[in-house]
């Protein structure tokens, strides 16, 4: 049991760090009252967004858009809200090449911009046809509920997170979008559309120092030691939120490609803990 958790938790931690902290863009507070949270049942499996969980957080000012939906990305980043919200996402991380290439996929829904963590995720790591790890997790504040789907587990167990992890994935950062805007006019690739939503595409190669400035946690610990420069792309909506992101780097001689998509933005949700045992 101990060895299994040692294997799986870094997988989940890697993708959560990417998805919840590194690239999603936050917003500036204006002091208004947050929306009422919803409850997401734990028995529903890995959840998509409820039908009503669409649109922008109520406080998000965003950037003005013209009739075509075009907006200024600088204004989008500058005019945001720190209001809590939830989003559905899919993240894939490909490491290595050929027969040794490993792919980690994490899908689910999670809260952002709130100290009260909440998420329901399914993570899977494969190498070729071999499933190295596959688990479902529900995180509520400092408690992680999990079950091992690779071994067909239907029962849930729970772990207490360390105090040092408190709030580690609760607040969004906009470092990557800012780093790309600072890279100069060539990084501003222009307006595109993602799932019918007008987005602004930013793209540039960032040095290791720029990657660390974009996300101070990048390169901390073993997962990104020896990182080279990274090709970074971010697509933001007019509220400054990341709708799509890609980061290609070489870590310790191995190519690492991370791809993310975010959708169904809505009010922060309350996640119900599953029955343990």
Protein backbone atom coordinates (compact mmCIF):
# COMPACT_ATOMS: atom_id res chain seq x y z
CA UNK A 1 0.00 0.00 0.00
CA UNK A 2 2.77 2.41 0.86
CA UNK A 3 4.63 1.80 -2.37
CA UNK A 4 1.44 2.28 -4.40
CA UNK A 5 0.77 5.67 -2.86
CA UNK A 6 4.39 6.66 -3.36
CA UNK A 7 3.96 5.89 -7.06
CA UNK A 8 0.60 7.55 -7.61
CA UNK A 9 0.68 10.71 -5.53
CA UNK A 10 3.53 12.36 -7.48
CA UNK A 11 1.50 11.77 -10.65
CA UNK A 12 -1.51 13.57 -9.24
CA UNK A 13 0.64 16.28 -7.64
CA UNK A 14 2.42 16.98 -10.91
CA UNK A 15 -0.77 17.50 -12.88
CA UNK A 16 -2.58 19.41 -10.14
CA UNK A 17 0.38 21.75 -9.88
CA UNK A 18 0.20 22.37 -13.60
CA UNK A 19 -3.56 22.60 -13.83
CA UNK A 20 -4.46 24.52 -10.72
CA UNK A 21 -1.49 26.77 -10.12
CA UNK A 22 0.83 27.22 -13.05
CA UNK A 23 -1.22 28.46 -15.97
CA UNK A 24 -4.79 29.27 -15.02
CA UNK A 25 -5.18 33.00 -14.78
CA UNK A 26 -6.72 34.62 -11.75
CA UNK A 27 -8.50 37.89 -11.35
CA UNK A 28 -8.35 41.06 -9.17
CA UNK A 29 -10.80 41.34 -6.27
CA UNK A 30 -13.49 43.99 -6.07
CA UNK A 31 -14.95 42.99 -2.71
CA UNK A 32 -18.35 41.74 -3.85
CA UNK A 33 -20.11 38.71 -2.43
CA UNK A 34 -19.18 35.33 -3.93
CA UNK A 35 -21.86 33.15 -5.52
CA UNK A 36 -23.62 30.39 -3.62
CA UNK A 37 -21.71 27.11 -3.84
CA UNK A 38 -23.26 23.94 -5.23
CA UNK A 39 -22.87 20.40 -3.96
CA UNK A 40 -21.41 17.75 -6.25
CA UNK A 41 -22.26 14.19 -5.20
CA UNK A 42 -19.31 11.84 -4.78
CA UNK A 43 -21.21 8.88 -6.17
CA UNK A 44 -21.47 10.41 -9.62
CA UNK A 45 -17.99 9.36 -10.74
CA UNK A 46 -15.58 11.83 -12.29
CA UNK A 47 -17.91 14.75 -12.87
CA UNK A 48 -18.34 17.11 -15.77
CA UNK A 49 -19.83 20.50 -15.15
CA UNK A 50 -23.53 20.63 -14.37
CA UNK A 51 -25.48 22.30 -17.14
CA UNK A 52 -25.91 25.48 -15.12
CA UNK A 53 -22.18 25.79 -14.39
CA UNK A 54 -21.37 27.93 -17.40
CA UNK A 55 -20.41 31.52 -18.06
CA UNK A 56 -18.13 33.90 -16.21
CA UNK A 57 -17.81 34.43 -12.46
CA UNK A 58 -20.12 37.27 -11.52
CA UNK A 59 -17.31 39.62 -10.50
CA UNK A 60 -15.11 39.14 -13.58
CA UNK A 61 -14.89 42.46 -15.40
CA UNK A 62 -12.75 41.20 -18.23
CA UNK A 63 -11.68 43.06 -21.34
CA UNK A 64 -14.15 44.82 -23.64
CA UNK A 65 -14.71 42.87 -26.85
CA UNK A 66 -15.76 44.11 -30.27
CA UNK A 67 -18.52 42.61 -32.39
CA UNK A 68 -16.22 39.79 -33.53
CA UNK A 69 -15.25 38.94 -29.94
CA UNK A 70 -11.71 40.36 -30.24
CA UNK A 71 -10.15 41.82 -27.09
CA UNK A 72 -6.85 43.13 -25.74
CA UNK A 73 -5.02 40.39 -23.78
CA UNK A 74 -3.26 42.93 -21.57
CA UNK A 75 -6.62 44.32 -20.46
CA UNK A 76 -7.97 40.79 -19.97
CA UNK A 77 -5.14 39.93 -17.57
CA UNK A 78 -5.38 43.26 -15.75
CA UNK A 79 -9.17 43.22 -15.18
CA UNK A 80 -10.06 40.05 -13.42
CA UNK A 81 -11.62 38.88 -10.17
CA UNK A 82 -10.23 36.74 -7.34
CA UNK A 83 -13.74 35.37 -6.94
CA UNK A 84 -13.80 31.58 -6.39
CA UNK A 85 -14.86 29.48 -9.34
CA UNK A 86 -14.92 25.89 -10.57
CA UNK A 87 -13.76 24.52 -13.92
CA UNK A 88 -13.71 21.22 -15.76
CA UNK A 89 -10.34 20.31 -17.22
CA UNK A 90 -8.29 17.68 -18.99
CA UNK A 91 -4.53 17.58 -18.69
CA UNK A 92 -2.08 15.25 -20.41
CA UNK A 93 1.62 15.00 -19.69
CA UNK A 94 3.85 13.03 -22.08
CA UNK A 95 7.35 12.18 -20.85
CA UNK A 96 10.08 10.52 -22.88
CA UNK A 97 10.01 9.01 -26.35
CA UNK A 98 9.41 5.70 -28.13
CA UNK A 99 8.68 2.60 -26.11
CA UNK A 100 9.75 4.38 -22.91
CA UNK A 101 7.26 7.24 -23.31
CA UNK A 102 4.88 7.63 -20.37
CA UNK A 103 1.58 9.47 -20.56
CA UNK A 104 -0.34 10.82 -17.60
CA UNK A 105 -3.93 11.98 -18.06
CA UNK A 106 -5.96 13.79 -15.42
CA UNK A 107 -9.60 14.73 -15.94
CA UNK A 108 -12.16 16.18 -13.58
CA UNK A 109 -13.46 19.33 -11.98
CA UNK A 110 -11.92 21.52 -9.30
CA UNK A 111 -12.28 24.81 -7.45
CA UNK A 112 -9.89 27.73 -7.85
CA UNK A 113 -9.25 31.03 -6.06
CA UNK A 114 -10.49 29.68 -2.74
CA UNK A 115 -8.64 28.41 0.37
CA UNK A 116 -11.35 25.74 0.70
CA UNK A 117 -9.98 23.20 -1.75
CA UNK A 118 -12.36 20.96 -3.64
CA UNK A 119 -11.91 18.63 -6.58
CA UNK A 120 -12.87 15.30 -8.04
CA UNK A 121 -10.30 13.83 -10.43
CA UNK A 122 -9.35 10.69 -12.25
CA UNK A 123 -5.65 10.20 -13.03
CA UNK A 124 -4.10 7.53 -15.22
CA UNK A 125 -0.47 6.85 -16.12
CA UNK A 126 0.44 4.44 -18.93
CA UNK A 127 3.57 3.28 -20.74
CA UNK A 128 2.54 1.72 -24.02
CA UNK A 129 -0.23 -0.74 -23.15
CA UNK A 130 0.89 -1.00 -19.50
CA UNK A 131 -1.18 0.85 -16.91
CA UNK A 132 1.30 2.09 -14.31
CA UNK A 133 -1.22 3.89 -12.12
CA UNK A 134 -4.94 4.66 -12.24
CA UNK A 135 -6.84 6.25 -9.41
CA UNK A 136 -9.79 8.40 -8.56
CA UNK A 137 -9.47 11.14 -5.94
CA UNK A 138 -11.76 13.56 -4.14
CA UNK A 139 -9.96 16.37 -2.33
CA UNK A 140 -11.77 18.42 0.30
CA UNK A 141 -9.60 20.95 2.10
CA UNK A 142 -6.76 18.93 3.68
CA UNK A 143 -8.23 15.47 3.13
CA UNK A 144 -7.69 13.34 0.02
CA UNK A 145 -10.08 10.43 -0.59
CA UNK A 146 -8.82 7.88 -3.12
CA UNK A 147 -9.40 4.50 -4.65
CA UNK A 148 -7.15 2.40 -6.86
CA UNK A 149 -8.97 1.74 -10.12
CA UNK A 150 -6.01 -0.13 -11.60
CA UNK A 151 -6.65 -2.90 -9.08
CA UNK A 152 -10.44 -2.68 -9.39
CA UNK A 153 -10.91 -1.12 -5.95
CA UNK A 154 -14.45 0.06 -5.22
CA UNK A 155 -13.73 1.06 -1.62
CA UNK A 156 -12.45 4.50 -0.72
CA UNK A 157 -9.58 5.32 1.64
CA UNK A 158 -8.43 8.72 2.85
CA UNK A 159 -5.15 10.48 3.60
CA UNK A 160 -4.50 13.68 5.51
CA UNK A 161 -2.45 16.17 3.56
CA UNK A 162 0.61 17.67 5.21
CA UNK A 163 0.25 21.17 6.73
CA UNK A 164 2.82 22.44 4.22
CA UNK A 165 0.39 21.64 1.39
CA UNK A 166 -2.36 23.92 2.74
CA UNK A 167 -3.73 26.10 -0.02
CA UNK A 168 -1.01 25.02 -2.43
CA UNK A 169 -3.45 24.69 -5.32
CA UNK A 170 -6.12 27.12 -4.20
CA UNK A 171 -5.11 30.43 -5.82
CA UNK A 172 -4.61 30.87 -9.53
CA UNK A 173 -1.54 32.56 -10.90
CA UNK A 174 -1.15 34.42 -14.17
CA UNK A 175 2.62 34.09 -14.48
CA UNK A 176 2.75 32.30 -17.82
CA UNK A 177 0.40 34.70 -19.59
CA UNK A 178 2.36 37.65 -18.17
CA UNK A 179 5.68 36.09 -19.20
CA UNK A 180 4.40 35.63 -22.73
CA UNK A 181 3.09 39.19 -22.90
CA UNK A 182 6.48 40.41 -21.66
CA UNK A 183 8.19 38.40 -24.43
CA UNK A 184 7.21 41.10 -26.90
CA UNK A 185 4.83 41.68 -29.81
CA UNK A 186 5.89 38.50 -31.62
CA UNK A 187 4.36 36.42 -28.80
CA UNK A 188 0.91 37.86 -29.50
CA UNK A 189 -0.39 35.48 -32.16
CA UNK A 190 -3.86 36.97 -32.27
CA UNK A 191 -7.48 35.96 -31.88
CA UNK A 192 -8.66 32.37 -32.35
CA UNK A 193 -11.65 30.30 -31.24
CA UNK A 194 -11.74 27.40 -28.77
CA UNK A 195 -15.03 25.49 -28.51
CA UNK A 196 -16.87 28.52 -29.82
CA UNK A 197 -15.21 30.90 -27.33
CA UNK A 198 -13.06 33.81 -28.62
CA UNK A 199 -9.55 33.46 -27.19
CA UNK A 200 -6.24 35.25 -27.59
CA UNK A 201 -3.26 33.04 -28.46
CA UNK A 202 0.09 33.79 -26.80
CA UNK A 203 3.22 31.83 -27.72
CA UNK A 204 6.97 32.11 -27.15
CA UNK A 205 10.05 30.18 -26.06
CA UNK A 206 10.83 30.85 -22.38
CA UNK A 207 14.22 30.36 -20.75
CA UNK A 208 14.53 28.34 -17.52
CA UNK A 209 14.76 31.63 -15.61
CA UNK A 210 11.59 32.91 -17.31
CA UNK A 211 9.80 29.65 -16.54
CA UNK A 212 10.70 30.00 -12.87
CA UNK A 213 9.55 33.63 -12.84
CA UNK A 214 6.29 32.57 -14.47
CA UNK A 215 5.80 29.90 -11.80
CA UNK A 216 8.13 30.02 -8.75
CA UNK A 217 7.30 26.38 -8.02
CA UNK A 218 8.62 25.28 -11.41
CA UNK A 219 11.94 23.47 -11.06
CA UNK A 220 11.45 22.97 -7.30
CA UNK A 221 11.98 19.37 -6.25
CA UNK A 222 12.92 16.51 -8.53
CA UNK A 223 10.17 16.67 -11.14
CA UNK A 224 11.69 19.52 -13.19
CA UNK A 225 15.39 19.41 -12.31
CA UNK A 226 17.60 19.98 -15.32
CA UNK A 227 14.87 21.70 -17.34
CA UNK A 228 15.86 23.40 -20.58
CA UNK A 229 14.02 26.28 -22.24
CA UNK A 230 10.34 25.66 -22.86
CA UNK A 231 8.03 26.41 -25.78
CA UNK A 232 4.94 27.82 -24.09
CA UNK A 233 1.51 28.53 -25.56
CA UNK A 234 -1.52 29.89 -23.72
CA UNK A 235 -4.99 30.71 -25.00
CA UNK A 236 -6.92 33.08 -22.71
CA UNK A 237 -10.51 34.31 -22.80
CA UNK A 238 -11.51 37.92 -22.26
CA UNK A 239 -11.76 37.29 -18.51
CA UNK A 240 -8.06 36.40 -18.41
CA UNK A 241 -8.72 32.71 -17.75
CA UNK A 242 -6.71 30.01 -19.47
CA UNK A 243 -8.89 28.00 -21.83
CA UNK A 244 -6.01 26.01 -23.30
CA UNK A 245 -2.28 25.73 -22.61
CA UNK A 246 0.72 23.77 -23.91
CA UNK A 247 4.26 23.60 -22.57
CA UNK A 248 7.06 21.63 -24.25
CA UNK A 249 10.36 21.29 -22.38
CA UNK A 250 13.29 18.92 -22.02
CA UNK A 251 13.83 17.71 -18.46
CA UNK A 252 17.00 15.76 -17.65
CA UNK A 253 17.35 14.92 -21.34
CA UNK A 254 13.74 13.75 -21.77
CA UNK A 255 11.08 15.68 -23.71
CA UNK A 256 8.05 16.60 -21.59
CA UNK A 257 4.89 17.91 -23.26
CA UNK A 258 2.00 19.17 -21.13
CA UNK A 259 -1.38 20.00 -22.68
CA UNK A 260 -4.36 21.44 -20.82
CA UNK A 261 -7.94 22.40 -21.64
CA UNK A 262 -10.40 24.18 -19.33
CA UNK A 263 -14.13 24.65 -19.78
CA UNK A 264 -17.52 25.02 -18.08
CA UNK A 265 -16.46 27.83 -15.74
CA UNK A 266 -18.94 28.39 -12.94
CA UNK A 267 -19.32 29.19 -9.22
CA UNK A 268 -17.17 27.30 -6.72
CA UNK A 269 -18.70 23.99 -5.72
CA UNK A 270 -18.95 21.92 -2.56
CA UNK A 271 -17.65 18.38 -3.08
CA UNK A 272 -19.19 15.64 -0.94
CA UNK A 273 -16.76 13.12 0.60
CA UNK A 274 -17.32 9.49 -0.41
CA UNK A 275 -17.99 6.83 2.21
CA UNK A 276 -14.69 5.32 3.41
CA UNK A 277 -14.14 1.61 3.88
